[in-house]
Amino acid sequence: MLTGSLLTLQENLKKLPGIGAKSARRLALHLIGSRRNQAIDLANAIINAAESYSNCSVCNCLTESDPCNYCADAKRDSQVLCVVQNSADLFHIEKTGQYRGRYFVLGQLLSPIEGIGPMQIHFNELVLNIKNNNVRELILALNPTVEGESTIRFLADQLTEKVEKISRLSTGLPFGGDLEYAGDLTLQDAFKRRYSATENE
């Protein structure tokens, strides 16, 4: 059983996505037991990234500059806005080369049980973004989960009068999965085959 600072390290590693207690313990012992220089390099890299990156004041994406490169790129279509849960999803979509509009990062998905409501997903900022850029199409590229579906329904209901078109990705993505882990071809196809997110269209 780990104690002291090793236990603290293990507990912090457990907070990372996909890292359980056993993996956290193994990583802690690996880093401190035989890879101390690697541990120091890792710690410095984390500190540098935490100090260098912040959220874009326009779209909430993680960035080293404000506004971010996506918002500052005049060649992008500012009237098409892709709404994603987090920066990881944004980067994955960019990797496909399929999309050339702008983005908005919610940060979270609606979950009343966890106390996550419209304010926590930056809804007011999203509305302002739509107004300032005269957005005509809103693409809801959210995870096909219960929370994702709930967020899609909320946004579609609330924003249907503010944009010409609200679309969502095709159903080729498996329910309960993460957009971040979808294959490039699957994601490209989901964008090409996107369909209306509102019942009255």
Protein backbone atom coordinates (compact mmCIF):
# COMPACT_ATOMS: atom_id res chain seq x y z
CA MET A 1 0.00 0.00 0.00
CA LEU A 2 1.38 3.39 -0.98
CA THR A 3 1.77 6.14 1.59
CA GLY A 4 2.77 9.80 1.75
CA SER A 5 3.56 11.62 -1.48
CA LEU A 6 3.39 8.40 -3.51
CA LEU A 7 -0.19 7.90 -2.37
CA THR A 8 -0.96 11.52 -3.28
CA LEU A 9 0.52 10.92 -6.74
CA GLN A 10 -1.54 7.77 -7.17
CA GLU A 11 -4.75 9.52 -6.16
CA ASN A 12 -4.11 12.34 -8.64
CA LEU A 13 -3.31 9.90 -11.45
CA LYS A 14 -6.62 8.14 -10.76
CA LYS A 15 -8.44 11.34 -11.69
CA LEU A 16 -7.22 11.06 -15.29
CA PRO A 17 -9.63 9.57 -17.88
CA GLY A 18 -9.26 5.81 -18.25
CA ILE A 19 -6.88 5.43 -15.30
CA GLY A 20 -8.07 3.13 -12.51
CA ALA A 21 -6.51 2.44 -9.12
CA LYS A 22 -4.21 -0.35 -10.35
CA SER A 23 -2.97 1.61 -13.35
CA ALA A 24 -2.42 4.71 -11.19
CA ARG A 25 -0.39 2.70 -8.68
CA ARG A 26 1.69 1.13 -11.46
CA LEU A 27 2.38 4.51 -13.06
CA ALA A 28 3.32 6.12 -9.74
CA LEU A 29 5.78 3.35 -8.90
CA HIS A 30 7.17 3.34 -12.45
CA LEU A 31 7.79 7.09 -12.50
CA ILE A 32 9.29 7.40 -9.04
CA GLY A 33 10.87 3.99 -8.67
CA SER A 34 13.05 3.78 -11.76
CA ARG A 35 12.33 6.77 -14.00
CA ARG A 36 12.92 9.81 -11.79
CA ASN A 37 14.29 11.99 -14.60
CA GLN A 38 11.26 11.04 -16.69
CA ALA A 39 9.00 11.99 -13.77
CA ILE A 40 10.65 15.41 -13.49
CA ASP A 41 10.40 15.99 -17.25
CA LEU A 42 6.73 15.00 -17.17
CA ALA A 43 6.03 17.31 -14.23
CA ASN A 44 7.74 20.22 -15.99
CA ALA A 45 5.84 19.54 -19.23
CA ILE A 46 2.52 19.55 -17.34
CA ILE A 47 3.39 22.80 -15.56
CA ASN A 48 4.49 24.47 -18.81
CA ALA A 49 1.32 23.42 -20.63
CA ALA A 50 -0.90 24.52 -17.74
CA GLU A 51 0.78 27.94 -17.70
CA SER A 52 0.84 28.37 -21.50
CA TYR A 53 -2.68 27.26 -22.40
CA SER A 54 -5.99 28.91 -21.59
CA ASN A 55 -9.46 29.00 -23.12
CA CYS A 56 -10.17 31.08 -26.21
CA SER A 57 -12.40 34.02 -25.27
CA VAL A 58 -14.48 33.43 -28.40
CA CYS A 59 -14.96 29.64 -28.65
CA ASN A 60 -13.57 28.21 -25.36
CA CYS A 61 -11.05 25.99 -27.17
CA LEU A 62 -7.73 25.34 -25.44
CA THR A 63 -5.18 27.68 -27.00
CA GLU A 64 -1.83 29.39 -26.53
CA SER A 65 -3.14 32.55 -28.22
CA ASP A 66 -6.36 34.51 -27.85
CA PRO A 67 -8.32 34.35 -30.04
CA CYS A 68 -7.34 30.83 -31.08
CA ASN A 69 -6.09 29.97 -34.57
CA TYR A 70 -9.53 28.70 -35.62
CA CYS A 71 -11.32 31.91 -34.64
CA ALA A 72 -8.56 34.10 -36.10
CA ASP A 73 -8.52 32.32 -39.47
CA ALA A 74 -10.36 34.62 -41.91
CA LYS A 75 -10.56 31.79 -44.48
CA ARG A 76 -12.94 29.82 -42.27
CA ASP A 77 -16.70 30.17 -42.74
CA SER A 78 -17.80 32.15 -39.68
CA GLN A 79 -21.47 31.49 -40.48
CA VAL A 80 -21.16 27.75 -39.87
CA LEU A 81 -20.59 26.85 -36.23
CA CYS A 82 -19.73 23.36 -34.99
CA VAL A 83 -20.60 22.77 -31.33
CA VAL A 84 -18.46 20.18 -29.53
CA GLN A 85 -18.15 19.00 -25.95
CA ASN A 86 -14.41 19.54 -25.51
CA SER A 87 -11.18 20.52 -27.24
CA ALA A 88 -10.26 16.87 -27.82
CA ASP A 89 -13.33 16.47 -30.05
CA LEU A 90 -12.45 19.70 -31.87
CA PHE A 91 -8.89 18.51 -32.58
CA HIS A 92 -10.20 15.15 -33.80
CA ILE A 93 -12.63 16.82 -36.21
CA GLU A 94 -9.84 19.07 -37.50
CA LYS A 95 -7.70 16.01 -38.17
CA THR A 96 -10.24 14.71 -40.70
CA GLY A 97 -9.92 17.86 -42.84
CA GLN A 98 -13.67 17.64 -43.51
CA TYR A 99 -14.76 20.86 -41.80
CA ARG A 100 -13.79 24.49 -42.50
CA GLY A 101 -16.18 26.46 -40.33
CA ARG A 102 -15.77 27.79 -36.78
CA TYR A 103 -16.18 26.00 -33.46
CA PHE A 104 -17.72 26.43 -30.03
CA VAL A 105 -16.65 24.26 -27.07
CA LEU A 106 -19.31 23.61 -24.43
CA GLY A 107 -16.87 22.11 -21.93
CA GLN A 108 -19.55 19.78 -20.54
CA LEU A 109 -22.86 18.17 -21.44
CA LEU A 110 -26.15 18.80 -19.66
CA SER A 111 -26.59 16.56 -16.63
CA PRO A 112 -29.10 17.74 -13.99
CA ILE A 113 -28.05 14.92 -11.65
CA GLU A 114 -24.51 16.32 -11.60
CA GLY A 115 -25.72 19.92 -11.39
CA ILE A 116 -24.68 20.76 -14.96
CA GLY A 117 -27.20 23.16 -16.49
CA PRO A 118 -27.22 25.77 -19.29
CA MET A 119 -24.85 28.10 -17.43
CA GLN A 120 -22.24 25.36 -17.05
CA ILE A 121 -22.20 24.65 -20.80
CA HIS A 122 -21.69 28.35 -21.64
CA PHE A 123 -25.11 28.66 -23.29
CA ASN A 124 -25.21 32.48 -23.08
CA GLU A 125 -21.76 32.71 -24.69
CA LEU A 126 -22.94 30.39 -27.47
CA VAL A 127 -25.95 32.61 -28.15
CA LEU A 128 -23.66 35.66 -28.28
CA ASN A 129 -21.31 33.86 -30.68
CA ILE A 130 -24.23 33.03 -32.98
CA LYS A 131 -25.41 36.65 -32.94
CA ASN A 132 -21.99 38.25 -33.44
CA ASN A 133 -21.10 36.02 -36.41
CA ASN A 134 -24.56 35.88 -38.00
CA VAL A 135 -24.38 32.08 -37.88
CA ARG A 136 -26.71 30.40 -40.38
CA GLU A 137 -25.92 26.72 -39.66
CA LEU A 138 -25.27 25.12 -36.29
CA ILE A 139 -23.73 21.64 -36.34
CA LEU A 140 -24.20 19.75 -33.07
CA ALA A 141 -21.25 17.34 -33.01
CA LEU A 142 -21.82 15.85 -29.56
CA ASN A 143 -21.23 12.38 -28.17
CA PRO A 144 -24.08 9.89 -28.83
CA THR A 145 -24.80 9.39 -25.13
CA VAL A 146 -27.79 10.11 -22.90
CA GLU A 147 -26.21 13.42 -21.88
CA GLY A 148 -25.27 14.20 -25.48
CA GLU A 149 -28.81 13.57 -26.72
CA SER A 150 -30.25 15.69 -23.91
CA THR A 151 -27.91 18.55 -24.81
CA ILE A 152 -28.74 18.27 -28.51
CA ARG A 153 -32.48 18.46 -27.77
CA PHE A 154 -32.01 21.47 -25.48
CA LEU A 155 -29.86 23.40 -27.95
CA ALA A 156 -32.11 22.57 -30.90
CA ASP A 157 -35.20 23.72 -29.00
CA GLN A 158 -33.62 26.92 -27.70
CA LEU A 159 -31.79 28.00 -30.85
CA THR A 160 -34.17 27.02 -33.65
CA GLU A 161 -35.33 30.63 -34.09
CA LYS A 162 -31.80 32.04 -34.09
CA VAL A 163 -30.26 30.13 -37.03
CA GLU A 164 -31.49 28.93 -40.42
CA LYS A 165 -30.40 25.34 -39.93
CA ILE A 166 -29.48 23.10 -36.99
CA SER A 167 -27.93 19.76 -37.93
CA ARG A 168 -26.39 16.83 -36.11
CA LEU A 169 -23.98 14.10 -37.13
CA SER A 170 -25.33 10.95 -38.77
CA THR A 171 -26.12 7.88 -36.70
CA GLY A 172 -23.07 5.97 -37.89
CA LEU A 173 -21.44 6.77 -34.56
CA PRO A 174 -22.14 4.07 -31.92
CA PHE A 175 -24.45 5.08 -29.06
CA GLY A 176 -22.60 5.52 -25.80
CA GLY A 177 -19.27 6.11 -27.54
CA ASP A 178 -16.96 9.12 -27.55
CA LEU A 179 -16.54 11.26 -30.65
CA GLU A 180 -12.84 11.47 -29.82
CA TYR A 181 -12.39 7.74 -30.52
CA ALA A 182 -14.34 7.57 -33.77
CA GLY A 183 -12.26 6.64 -36.81
CA ASP A 184 -11.42 9.39 -39.28
CA LEU A 185 -13.49 7.85 -42.08
CA THR A 186 -16.45 7.30 -39.74
CA LEU A 187 -16.31 10.92 -38.61
CA GLN A 188 -15.96 12.21 -42.17
CA ASP A 189 -19.03 10.22 -43.19
CA ALA A 190 -20.96 11.44 -40.13
CA PHE A 191 -20.29 15.03 -41.21
CA LYS A 192 -21.22 14.43 -44.84
CA ARG A 193 -24.47 12.72 -43.86
CA ARG A 194 -25.47 15.10 -41.09
CA TYR A 195 -29.19 15.69 -40.79
CA SER A 196 -31.67 18.07 -39.18
CA ALA A 197 -31.70 18.23 -35.39
CA THR A 198 -35.13 19.88 -35.32
CA GLU A 199 -38.42 18.13 -35.97
CA ASN A 200 -39.96 20.97 -37.94
CA GLU A 201 -37.33 21.04 -40.70
